[in-house]
């Protein structure tokens, strides 16, 4: 897990953020009539980026691969749908804490059980919990069955009679989601650089050694699991607000697999990588879906190719840009001879060589 980034990372991320902020200026010029639709796609990308960052706390920081992370995403959507009044809008001031509380309690209960397993058993137990809730919601009448529940009004964000942000307005909702995603990034960035994050990093490297040093690793992992579940719940609530419904598909393992691919595509353990991975995945999805009905095949081949070529994900292009490695040609370079290798080096008898890191 990286605790510090090269200076170019915040510069690039800031430039991309500014680009998104000024989308209303350049979007209609470049996209034309489809700018409103693409604004909704950008909003979805930001929501999925928040979702991917929450999973990266488990996968990239601790090393816990979960295939049931969509459980918290979908549960938050159903919490919003069930708690919202039928004929008027709920207040975000109490809806957001309610969603976070439900996500935290569910993550605490589930995490207390699944964290007693390791490796493939952890993956399968998280998958099992996610599928149990999926089939429960699909068959229950109060959740609307397989059709799900509609959310007629987005929650309001007001103080008295003054509306702070009109979440029914697509542009204002876009900026609200961007702000939530940015706050999540800053929070996780602070968290992984804190003492708590250093302990999680140590657990990822060698949990037995951390236990020998006296750390209660189970408690640290459980706390991280709860934080990850709460952030996934926030993303699920935003997704339900955007599309106005909650259905069982938001709980299924397919969504858990997709967000895991976003993390891998962007670069595990980099925090900003999964955010980039969410944007790249959705752009590829949109392009391939309009290209052929067999877009899943193209998506799978593309991700496999990217993983093979870029093992560190898209973040690796920023953290360690590829160098051409061309020789420097100059007056001195034309006549400089290569130093001869010693006999021991040529015969492979020399000891380990010290390499300088670039």
Protein backbone atom coordinates (compact mmCIF):
# COMPACT_ATOMS: atom_id res chain seq x y z
CA UNK A 1 0.00 0.00 0.00
CA UNK A 2 1.35 3.39 -1.01
CA UNK A 3 1.48 5.96 1.77
CA UNK A 4 2.94 8.71 -0.41
CA UNK A 5 2.56 9.44 -4.09
CA UNK A 6 4.78 11.22 -6.60
CA UNK A 7 3.94 14.88 -7.08
CA UNK A 8 2.46 14.17 -10.50
CA UNK A 9 -0.38 12.11 -8.96
CA UNK A 10 -2.17 14.97 -7.14
CA UNK A 11 -1.50 17.24 -10.11
CA UNK A 12 -3.14 14.81 -12.55
CA UNK A 13 -6.06 14.11 -10.22
CA UNK A 14 -6.59 17.83 -9.66
CA UNK A 15 -6.56 18.43 -13.42
CA UNK A 16 -9.16 15.68 -13.95
CA UNK A 17 -11.29 17.15 -11.16
CA UNK A 18 -11.18 20.60 -12.74
CA UNK A 19 -12.12 19.01 -16.06
CA UNK A 20 -15.22 17.49 -14.45
CA UNK A 21 -16.12 20.71 -12.66
CA UNK A 22 -16.22 22.61 -15.94
CA UNK A 23 -18.11 19.92 -17.84
CA UNK A 24 -21.14 22.23 -18.33
CA UNK A 25 -18.86 24.49 -20.39
CA UNK A 26 -17.19 21.97 -22.70
CA UNK A 27 -19.74 19.15 -22.64
CA UNK A 28 -22.40 20.74 -24.90
CA UNK A 29 -19.68 21.90 -27.32
CA UNK A 30 -18.06 18.49 -27.77
CA UNK A 31 -21.06 16.19 -27.29
CA UNK A 32 -23.94 18.39 -28.37
CA UNK A 33 -27.45 17.10 -27.69
CA UNK A 34 -26.11 14.08 -25.82
CA UNK A 35 -24.44 16.20 -23.13
CA UNK A 36 -27.34 15.73 -20.70
CA UNK A 37 -27.16 11.96 -21.08
CA UNK A 38 -23.38 11.99 -20.63
CA UNK A 39 -23.83 14.10 -17.49
CA UNK A 40 -25.83 11.22 -16.02
CA UNK A 41 -23.10 8.78 -17.09
CA UNK A 42 -20.46 10.92 -15.39
CA UNK A 43 -22.59 10.96 -12.25
CA UNK A 44 -22.81 7.16 -12.35
CA UNK A 45 -19.04 6.92 -12.85
CA UNK A 46 -18.45 9.03 -9.76
CA UNK A 47 -20.84 6.85 -7.74
CA UNK A 48 -19.13 3.67 -8.93
CA UNK A 49 -15.76 5.30 -8.21
CA UNK A 50 -16.85 5.86 -4.61
CA UNK A 51 -18.04 2.25 -4.49
CA UNK A 52 -14.72 0.99 -5.89
CA UNK A 53 -12.69 3.02 -3.38
CA UNK A 54 -14.69 1.47 -0.54
CA UNK A 55 -13.81 -2.01 -1.81
CA UNK A 56 -10.17 -1.04 -2.27
CA UNK A 57 -9.96 -0.52 1.49
CA UNK A 58 -10.51 -4.27 1.81
CA UNK A 59 -8.82 -5.61 -1.31
CA UNK A 60 -5.90 -3.25 -1.72
CA UNK A 61 -5.12 -2.19 1.85
CA UNK A 62 -5.84 -5.35 3.87
CA UNK A 63 -5.85 -8.00 1.15
CA UNK A 64 -9.41 -9.27 1.71
CA UNK A 65 -11.14 -10.10 -1.56
CA UNK A 66 -14.92 -9.80 -1.17
CA UNK A 67 -17.55 -10.99 -3.64
CA UNK A 68 -20.42 -9.77 -1.50
CA UNK A 69 -19.68 -6.06 -1.36
CA UNK A 70 -22.80 -5.25 -3.37
CA UNK A 71 -24.80 -6.35 -0.31
CA UNK A 72 -24.17 -2.97 1.35
CA UNK A 73 -24.66 -1.11 -1.94
CA UNK A 74 -28.10 -2.61 -2.53
CA UNK A 75 -29.14 -2.61 1.12
CA UNK A 76 -28.66 1.16 1.25
CA UNK A 77 -30.89 1.58 -1.79
CA UNK A 78 -33.66 -0.46 -0.19
CA UNK A 79 -33.24 1.47 3.07
CA UNK A 80 -33.79 4.70 1.16
CA UNK A 81 -36.82 3.28 -0.67
CA UNK A 82 -38.48 1.81 2.43
CA UNK A 83 -37.80 4.80 4.70
CA UNK A 84 -38.87 7.49 2.22
CA UNK A 85 -42.41 8.89 2.57
CA UNK A 86 -44.79 7.90 -0.22
CA UNK A 87 -45.99 11.36 -1.24
CA UNK A 88 -43.23 13.77 -0.31
CA UNK A 89 -39.45 13.89 -0.12
CA UNK A 90 -37.45 12.79 2.87
CA UNK A 91 -34.81 15.00 4.43
CA UNK A 92 -31.22 14.09 3.66
CA UNK A 93 -30.25 15.29 7.14
CA UNK A 94 -31.77 12.16 8.67
CA UNK A 95 -31.81 9.83 5.66
CA UNK A 96 -28.04 9.80 5.17
CA UNK A 97 -27.28 8.97 8.85
CA UNK A 98 -29.99 6.27 8.73
CA UNK A 99 -28.44 4.65 5.65
CA UNK A 100 -24.97 4.81 7.20
CA UNK A 101 -26.29 3.31 10.46
CA UNK A 102 -28.01 0.40 8.68
CA UNK A 103 -24.89 -0.23 6.60
CA UNK A 104 -22.66 -0.09 9.68
CA UNK A 105 -24.80 -2.50 11.71
CA UNK A 106 -25.07 -4.99 8.85
CA UNK A 107 -21.32 -4.75 8.16
CA UNK A 108 -20.58 -5.25 11.85
CA UNK A 109 -22.73 -8.39 12.07
CA UNK A 110 -21.56 -9.89 8.78
CA UNK A 111 -17.94 -8.90 9.33
CA UNK A 112 -17.89 -10.47 12.77
CA UNK A 113 -18.70 -13.79 11.10
CA UNK A 114 -16.84 -13.72 7.79
CA UNK A 115 -13.59 -12.38 9.23
CA UNK A 116 -13.18 -15.64 11.12
CA UNK A 117 -12.36 -17.22 7.76
CA UNK A 118 -9.41 -16.70 5.44
CA UNK A 119 -8.54 -16.94 1.78
CA UNK A 120 -11.02 -18.67 -0.48
CA UNK A 121 -13.30 -19.32 2.48
CA UNK A 122 -13.61 -15.58 3.10
CA UNK A 123 -14.48 -15.02 -0.56
CA UNK A 124 -17.15 -17.72 -0.48
CA UNK A 125 -18.73 -16.59 2.79
CA UNK A 126 -19.03 -12.99 1.59
CA UNK A 127 -20.57 -14.31 -1.62
CA UNK A 128 -22.98 -16.47 0.40
CA UNK A 129 -24.18 -13.56 2.56
CA UNK A 130 -24.71 -11.40 -0.51
CA UNK A 131 -26.71 -14.07 -2.30
CA UNK A 132 -28.81 -14.81 0.79
CA UNK A 133 -29.95 -11.19 0.95
CA UNK A 134 -30.42 -11.17 -2.83
CA UNK A 135 -32.87 -14.09 -2.77
CA UNK A 136 -34.58 -12.77 0.35
CA UNK A 137 -35.26 -9.43 -1.31
CA UNK A 138 -36.27 -11.08 -4.59
CA UNK A 139 -38.99 -13.15 -2.89
CA UNK A 140 -40.23 -10.74 -0.21
CA UNK A 141 -43.43 -8.81 -0.88
CA UNK A 142 -42.50 -5.73 1.16
CA UNK A 143 -39.46 -5.18 -1.06
CA UNK A 144 -41.44 -5.42 -4.28
CA UNK A 145 -40.04 -8.81 -5.24
CA UNK A 146 -38.00 -8.97 -8.41
CA UNK A 147 -39.45 -5.64 -9.58
CA UNK A 148 -37.99 -3.71 -6.66
CA UNK A 149 -39.23 -0.44 -5.22
CA UNK A 150 -39.59 2.99 -6.77
CA UNK A 151 -38.36 6.17 -5.12
CA UNK A 152 -40.66 8.97 -6.18
CA UNK A 153 -38.68 11.89 -4.77
CA UNK A 154 -35.02 12.50 -4.08
CA UNK A 155 -34.28 13.55 -0.49
CA UNK A 156 -34.11 17.28 0.10
CA UNK A 157 -31.19 19.21 1.54
CA UNK A 158 -32.64 22.30 3.18
CA UNK A 159 -32.24 24.54 6.19
CA UNK A 160 -35.64 25.86 7.16
CA UNK A 161 -37.29 27.02 3.94
CA UNK A 162 -33.96 27.56 2.17
CA UNK A 163 -32.87 24.83 -0.26
CA UNK A 164 -29.12 24.36 -0.13
CA UNK A 165 -28.87 21.94 -3.06
CA UNK A 166 -31.71 20.95 -5.37
CA UNK A 167 -30.98 17.25 -5.79
CA UNK A 168 -33.76 16.94 -8.36
CA UNK A 169 -31.65 19.11 -10.67
CA UNK A 170 -29.26 16.78 -12.60
CA UNK A 171 -26.41 19.29 -12.63
CA UNK A 172 -26.65 20.09 -8.94
CA UNK A 173 -26.94 16.38 -8.15
CA UNK A 174 -23.79 15.81 -10.25
CA UNK A 175 -21.86 18.34 -8.18
CA UNK A 176 -23.26 16.85 -4.97
CA UNK A 177 -22.06 13.38 -5.96
CA UNK A 178 -18.69 14.81 -6.96
CA UNK A 179 -18.38 16.42 -3.54
CA UNK A 180 -19.27 13.15 -1.77
CA UNK A 181 -16.72 11.25 -3.86
CA UNK A 182 -14.03 13.84 -3.15
CA UNK A 183 -14.76 13.74 0.59
CA UNK A 184 -14.54 9.93 0.52
CA UNK A 185 -11.19 10.08 -1.27
CA UNK A 186 -9.78 12.59 1.20
CA UNK A 187 -11.09 10.58 4.15
CA UNK A 188 -9.57 7.32 2.91
CA UNK A 189 -6.33 9.08 2.01
CA UNK A 190 -6.11 10.36 5.58
CA UNK A 191 -7.13 6.99 6.99
CA UNK A 192 -4.47 4.92 5.24
CA UNK A 193 -1.76 7.40 6.26
CA UNK A 194 -2.85 7.33 9.90
CA UNK A 195 -1.68 4.93 12.60
CA UNK A 196 -4.78 2.82 11.92
CA UNK A 197 -3.87 2.57 8.24
CA UNK A 198 -0.31 1.58 9.04
CA UNK A 199 -1.61 -1.27 11.18
CA UNK A 200 -3.83 -2.40 8.30
CA UNK A 201 -0.81 -2.27 6.01
CA UNK A 202 1.11 -4.43 8.46
CA UNK A 203 -1.77 -6.93 8.57
CA UNK A 204 -1.68 -7.10 4.78
CA UNK A 205 2.06 -7.84 4.80
CA UNK A 206 2.19 -10.30 7.70
CA UNK A 207 -0.76 -10.73 10.03
CA UNK A 208 0.99 -13.30 12.21
CA UNK A 209 3.84 -10.91 12.89
CA UNK A 210 1.39 -8.15 13.83
CA UNK A 211 -0.31 -10.55 16.24
CA UNK A 212 3.06 -11.42 17.73
CA UNK A 213 3.68 -7.71 18.29
CA UNK A 214 0.49 -7.55 20.34
CA UNK A 215 -2.00 -6.11 17.85
CA UNK A 216 -5.58 -7.38 17.94
CA UNK A 217 -5.75 -7.82 14.17
CA UNK A 218 -9.31 -9.12 14.21
CA UNK A 219 -10.59 -5.85 15.68
CA UNK A 220 -8.68 -3.76 13.15
CA UNK A 221 -10.01 -5.82 10.24
CA UNK A 222 -13.55 -5.61 11.61
CA UNK A 223 -13.31 -1.82 11.93
CA UNK A 224 -12.05 -1.56 8.35
CA UNK A 225 -14.82 -3.88 7.16
CA UNK A 226 -17.44 -1.66 8.79
CA UNK A 227 -15.94 1.51 7.30
CA UNK A 228 -15.87 -0.13 3.87
CA UNK A 229 -19.49 -1.24 4.24
CA UNK A 230 -20.65 2.24 5.27
CA UNK A 231 -18.96 3.87 2.28
CA UNK A 232 -20.46 1.25 -0.04
CA UNK A 233 -23.83 2.07 1.49
CA UNK A 234 -23.39 5.77 0.74
CA UNK A 235 -22.63 4.89 -2.88
CA UNK A 236 -25.72 2.66 -3.01
CA UNK A 237 -27.92 5.43 -1.67
CA UNK A 238 -26.60 7.86 -4.30
CA UNK A 239 -27.23 5.30 -7.05
CA UNK A 240 -30.82 4.75 -5.86
CA UNK A 241 -31.33 8.52 -5.73
CA UNK A 242 -30.10 8.93 -9.29
CA UNK A 243 -32.27 6.27 -10.93
CA UNK A 244 -35.25 6.41 -8.56
CA UNK A 245 -35.53 2.73 -7.73
CA UNK A 246 -33.95 -0.13 -5.81
CA UNK A 247 -34.02 -3.68 -7.18
CA UNK A 248 -32.37 -7.04 -6.39
CA UNK A 249 -29.79 -6.60 -9.16
CA UNK A 250 -28.04 -4.04 -6.95
CA UNK A 251 -27.41 -6.82 -4.41
CA UNK A 252 -26.20 -9.55 -6.77
CA UNK A 253 -22.74 -10.99 -7.13
CA UNK A 254 -22.52 -9.62 -10.68
CA UNK A 255 -22.21 -6.09 -9.34
CA UNK A 256 -19.68 -7.26 -6.75
CA UNK A 257 -17.64 -8.80 -9.57
CA UNK A 258 -17.86 -5.66 -11.67
CA UNK A 259 -16.65 -3.36 -8.92
CA UNK A 260 -13.82 -5.81 -8.18
CA UNK A 261 -12.80 -5.57 -11.85
CA UNK A 262 -12.83 -1.78 -11.53
CA UNK A 263 -10.41 -2.03 -8.60
CA UNK A 264 -8.11 -4.40 -10.50
CA UNK A 265 -8.35 -2.35 -13.69
CA UNK A 266 -7.46 0.86 -11.88
CA UNK A 267 -4.80 -0.55 -9.58
CA UNK A 268 -5.28 -2.14 -6.18
CA UNK A 269 -4.09 -0.32 -3.09
CA UNK A 270 -3.60 3.02 -4.82
CA UNK A 271 -6.97 4.55 -3.83
CA UNK A 272 -7.07 6.84 -6.86
CA UNK A 273 -6.65 3.83 -9.17
CA UNK A 274 -10.09 2.31 -8.47
CA UNK A 275 -11.60 5.74 -9.14
CA UNK A 276 -9.93 5.79 -12.55
CA UNK A 277 -10.88 2.15 -13.05
CA UNK A 278 -14.56 2.95 -12.55
CA UNK A 279 -14.41 5.64 -15.25
CA UNK A 280 -12.47 3.38 -17.63
CA UNK A 281 -14.79 0.41 -17.06
CA UNK A 282 -17.95 2.42 -17.71
CA UNK A 283 -16.49 4.07 -20.82
CA UNK A 284 -15.47 0.67 -22.20
CA UNK A 285 -18.88 -0.71 -21.29
CA UNK A 286 -20.65 2.09 -23.12
CA UNK A 287 -18.41 1.76 -26.20
CA UNK A 288 -18.61 -2.03 -26.49
CA UNK A 289 -22.33 -2.15 -25.73
CA UNK A 290 -23.04 0.07 -28.72
CA UNK A 291 -20.60 -1.84 -30.89
CA UNK A 292 -21.90 -5.40 -30.59
CA UNK A 293 -24.33 -7.56 -28.65
CA UNK A 294 -21.34 -9.63 -27.57
CA UNK A 295 -19.85 -6.73 -25.63
CA UNK A 296 -19.14 -8.95 -22.59
CA UNK A 297 -16.60 -10.91 -24.65
CA UNK A 298 -14.83 -7.74 -25.75
CA UNK A 299 -14.90 -6.40 -22.19
CA UNK A 300 -13.38 -9.58 -20.79
CA UNK A 301 -10.63 -9.72 -23.40
CA UNK A 302 -9.82 -6.04 -22.90
CA UNK A 303 -9.53 -6.38 -19.13
CA UNK A 304 -7.35 -9.48 -19.48
CA UNK A 305 -5.09 -7.63 -21.91
CA UNK A 306 -4.84 -4.60 -19.63
CA UNK A 307 -4.01 -6.76 -16.62
CA UNK A 308 -1.27 -8.56 -18.57
CA UNK A 309 0.24 -5.38 -19.98
CA UNK A 310 -0.34 -3.22 -16.88
CA UNK A 311 -0.07 -5.46 -13.79
CA UNK A 312 -0.34 -2.36 -11.57
CA UNK A 313 -3.44 -1.18 -13.38
CA UNK A 314 -4.02 2.24 -14.86
CA UNK A 315 -2.50 3.79 -11.76
CA UNK A 316 0.81 2.20 -12.73
CA UNK A 317 0.98 4.47 -15.77
CA UNK A 318 0.99 7.45 -13.41
CA UNK A 319 3.08 6.04 -10.58
CA UNK A 320 5.73 4.51 -12.84
CA UNK A 321 5.41 5.91 -16.38
CA UNK A 322 6.98 3.71 -19.05
CA UNK A 323 10.35 4.88 -20.28
CA UNK A 324 11.45 4.41 -23.86
CA UNK A 325 14.98 3.55 -22.77
CA UNK A 326 16.60 5.05 -25.87
CA UNK A 327 20.37 5.60 -25.66
CA UNK A 328 21.59 9.14 -25.34
CA UNK A 329 23.47 10.16 -28.44
CA UNK A 330 26.13 12.80 -28.08
CA UNK A 331 29.80 13.44 -28.58
CA UNK A 332 30.69 11.55 -25.44
CA UNK A 333 28.13 8.83 -26.07
CA UNK A 334 29.44 7.99 -29.51
CA UNK A 335 32.90 7.08 -28.23
CA UNK A 336 32.00 5.80 -24.74
CA UNK A 337 32.76 2.09 -24.46
CA UNK A 338 30.79 -0.33 -22.36
CA UNK A 339 32.74 -1.47 -19.29
CA UNK A 340 33.84 -5.06 -19.59
CA UNK A 341 32.25 -7.56 -17.24
CA UNK A 342 34.46 -9.39 -14.83
CA UNK A 343 35.12 -13.10 -15.22
CA UNK A 344 32.97 -13.86 -12.19
CA UNK A 345 30.07 -11.90 -13.60
CA UNK A 346 30.28 -13.61 -17.00
CA UNK A 347 30.43 -17.04 -15.39
CA UNK A 348 27.57 -16.26 -13.05
CA UNK A 349 29.76 -16.68 -9.95
CA UNK A 350 29.46 -13.12 -8.66
CA UNK A 351 27.36 -12.42 -5.63
CA UNK A 352 24.07 -10.54 -5.72
CA UNK A 353 24.38 -7.18 -7.36
CA UNK A 354 23.03 -4.00 -5.84
CA UNK A 355 20.56 -2.30 -8.16
CA UNK A 356 19.74 1.34 -7.90
CA UNK A 357 16.11 2.19 -8.05
CA UNK A 358 15.20 4.80 -10.55
